[in-house]
Amino acid sequence: MSKTDPNRLPQEMIELKETSLELYQALEKLKDGHRKVILLRKVQGFSVKDTATILGWSESKVKSTQFRAIPALRKQLVKDGYIYEETV
């Protein structure tokens, strides 16, 4: 990912399966659907199809929720002071 990619830091934390307390504390503050999609897709590695089946959602709902969840996580990490806005 490029340095200017707005999803860079939260995405890297997720991809590395970061187990830090800060990440999980931020996740707990997200909407339930956002949290579930991030955990299933990025932490546990489920496919869009499998995530949709688990949640009882359509695949398009999983994709659109994930699209909104990553920026929401980034915003929460900034709000909580775990990352700085100028680094995202």
C-alpha atoms as a PDB file:
ATOM      1  CA  MET A   1       0.000   0.000   0.000  1.00  0.00           C
ATOM      2  CA  SER A   2       1.168   3.485  -0.679  1.00  0.00           C
ATOM      3  CA  LYS A   3       2.065   5.813   2.121  1.00  0.00           C
ATOM      4  CA  THR A   4      -0.811   8.104   1.165  1.00  0.00           C
ATOM      5  CA  ASP A   5      -3.454   5.350   1.164  1.00  0.00           C
ATOM      6  CA  PRO A   6      -6.048   6.428   3.759  1.00  0.00           C
ATOM      7  CA  ASN A   7      -6.639   2.811   4.827  1.00  0.00           C
ATOM      8  CA  ARG A   8      -2.940   2.147   5.355  1.00  0.00           C
ATOM      9  CA  LEU A   9      -2.550   1.913   9.129  1.00  0.00           C
ATOM     10  CA  PRO A  10      -5.775   0.200  10.172  1.00  0.00           C
ATOM     11  CA  GLN A  11      -5.548  -2.096   7.169  1.00  0.00           C
ATOM     12  CA  GLU A  12      -1.954  -3.044   8.008  1.00  0.00           C
ATOM     13  CA  MET A  13      -2.914  -3.696  11.628  1.00  0.00           C
ATOM     14  CA  ILE A  14      -5.698  -5.998  10.488  1.00  0.00           C
ATOM     15  CA  GLU A  15      -3.653  -7.773   7.844  1.00  0.00           C
ATOM     16  CA  LEU A  16      -0.936  -8.493  10.357  1.00  0.00           C
ATOM     17  CA  LYS A  17      -3.634  -9.893  12.657  1.00  0.00           C
ATOM     18  CA  GLU A  18      -2.530  -7.382  15.247  1.00  0.00           C
ATOM     19  CA  THR A  19      -3.604  -8.588  18.655  1.00  0.00           C
ATOM     20  CA  SER A  20      -2.980  -5.327  20.432  1.00  0.00           C
ATOM     21  CA  LEU A  21      -5.380  -4.211  23.068  1.00  0.00           C
ATOM     22  CA  GLU A  22      -5.796  -0.893  21.252  1.00  0.00           C
ATOM     23  CA  LEU A  23      -7.178  -2.507  18.104  1.00  0.00           C
ATOM     24  CA  TYR A  24      -9.698  -4.592  20.006  1.00  0.00           C
ATOM     25  CA  GLN A  25     -10.730  -1.647  22.163  1.00  0.00           C
ATOM     26  CA  ALA A  26     -11.367   0.394  19.009  1.00  0.00           C
ATOM     27  CA  LEU A  27     -13.286  -2.483  17.422  1.00  0.00           C
ATOM     28  CA  GLU A  28     -15.548  -2.723  20.467  1.00  0.00           C
ATOM     29  CA  LYS A  29     -16.628   0.891  19.922  1.00  0.00           C
ATOM     30  CA  LEU A  30     -17.737   0.305  16.323  1.00  0.00           C
ATOM     31  CA  LYS A  31     -21.247  -0.549  15.198  1.00  0.00           C
ATOM     32  CA  ASP A  32     -21.980  -4.218  15.655  1.00  0.00           C
ATOM     33  CA  GLY A  33     -22.115  -4.911  11.912  1.00  0.00           C
ATOM     34  CA  HIS A  34     -18.825  -3.114  11.259  1.00  0.00           C
ATOM     35  CA  ARG A  35     -17.104  -5.028  14.030  1.00  0.00           C
ATOM     36  CA  LYS A  36     -18.435  -8.382  12.858  1.00  0.00           C
ATOM     37  CA  VAL A  37     -17.407  -7.815   9.243  1.00  0.00           C
ATOM     38  CA  ILE A  38     -13.876  -6.712  10.181  1.00  0.00           C
ATOM     39  CA  LEU A  39     -13.407  -9.634  12.543  1.00  0.00           C
ATOM     40  CA  LEU A  40     -14.753 -12.231  10.125  1.00  0.00           C
ATOM     41  CA  ARG A  41     -13.153 -10.893   6.944  1.00  0.00           C
ATOM     42  CA  LYS A  42      -9.849  -9.429   8.099  1.00  0.00           C
ATOM     43  CA  VAL A  43      -8.983 -11.139  11.360  1.00  0.00           C
ATOM     44  CA  GLN A  44     -10.409 -14.610  10.784  1.00  0.00           C
ATOM     45  CA  GLY A  45      -9.922 -14.551   7.011  1.00  0.00           C
ATOM     46  CA  PHE A  46     -13.387 -15.619   5.857  1.00  0.00           C
ATOM     47  CA  SER A  47     -14.385 -14.949   2.255  1.00  0.00           C
ATOM     48  CA  VAL A  48     -17.156 -12.521   1.369  1.00  0.00           C
ATOM     49  CA  LYS A  49     -19.410 -15.478   0.591  1.00  0.00           C
ATOM     50  CA  ASP A  50     -18.682 -17.238   3.895  1.00  0.00           C
ATOM     51  CA  THR A  51     -19.101 -13.998   5.850  1.00  0.00           C
ATOM     52  CA  ALA A  52     -22.457 -13.418   4.168  1.00  0.00           C
ATOM     53  CA  THR A  53     -23.567 -16.933   5.092  1.00  0.00           C
ATOM     54  CA  ILE A  54     -22.433 -16.556   8.716  1.00  0.00           C
ATOM     55  CA  LEU A  55     -24.180 -13.210   9.146  1.00  0.00           C
ATOM     56  CA  GLY A  56     -27.235 -14.082   7.055  1.00  0.00           C
ATOM     57  CA  TRP A  57     -26.501 -11.120   4.764  1.00  0.00           C
ATOM     58  CA  SER A  58     -26.112 -10.724   1.022  1.00  0.00           C
ATOM     59  CA  GLU A  59     -22.588 -10.596  -0.360  1.00  0.00           C
ATOM     60  CA  SER A  60     -23.169  -7.010  -1.478  1.00  0.00           C
ATOM     61  CA  LYS A  61     -24.111  -6.026   2.089  1.00  0.00           C
ATOM     62  CA  VAL A  62     -20.891  -7.587   3.382  1.00  0.00           C
ATOM     63  CA  LYS A  63     -18.854  -5.659   0.787  1.00  0.00           C
ATOM     64  CA  SER A  64     -20.564  -2.329   1.434  1.00  0.00           C
ATOM     65  CA  THR A  65     -20.334  -2.752   5.211  1.00  0.00           C
ATOM     66  CA  GLN A  66     -16.636  -3.580   4.953  1.00  0.00           C
ATOM     67  CA  PHE A  67     -16.150  -0.520   2.728  1.00  0.00           C
ATOM     68  CA  ARG A  68     -17.595   1.677   5.515  1.00  0.00           C
ATOM     69  CA  ALA A  69     -16.100  -0.280   8.431  1.00  0.00           C
ATOM     70  CA  ILE A  70     -12.417   0.302   7.609  1.00  0.00           C
ATOM     71  CA  PRO A  71     -12.720   4.125   7.644  1.00  0.00           C
ATOM     72  CA  ALA A  72     -14.844   3.876  10.807  1.00  0.00           C
ATOM     73  CA  LEU A  73     -12.071   1.867  12.471  1.00  0.00           C
ATOM     74  CA  ARG A  74      -9.472   4.393  11.318  1.00  0.00           C
ATOM     75  CA  LYS A  75     -11.577   7.238  12.724  1.00  0.00           C
ATOM     76  CA  GLN A  76     -11.973   5.418  16.054  1.00  0.00           C
ATOM     77  CA  LEU A  77      -8.228   4.722  16.285  1.00  0.00           C
ATOM     78  CA  VAL A  78      -7.551   8.433  15.711  1.00  0.00           C
ATOM     79  CA  LYS A  79     -10.230   9.469  18.213  1.00  0.00           C
ATOM     80  CA  ASP A  80      -8.775   7.159  20.857  1.00  0.00           C
ATOM     81  CA  GLY A  81      -5.273   8.500  20.208  1.00  0.00           C
ATOM     82  CA  TYR A  82      -3.824   5.199  18.981  1.00  0.00           C
ATOM     83  CA  ILE A  83      -2.836   6.657  15.626  1.00  0.00           C
ATOM     84  CA  TYR A  84      -2.383  10.250  14.547  1.00  0.00           C
ATOM     85  CA  GLU A  85      -4.571  11.751  11.868  1.00  0.00           C
ATOM     86  CA  GLU A  86      -1.623  12.964   9.817  1.00  0.00           C
ATOM     87  CA  THR A  87      -0.302   9.383   9.549  1.00  0.00           C
ATOM     88  CA  VAL A  88      -3.475   8.044   7.919  1.00  0.00           C
END
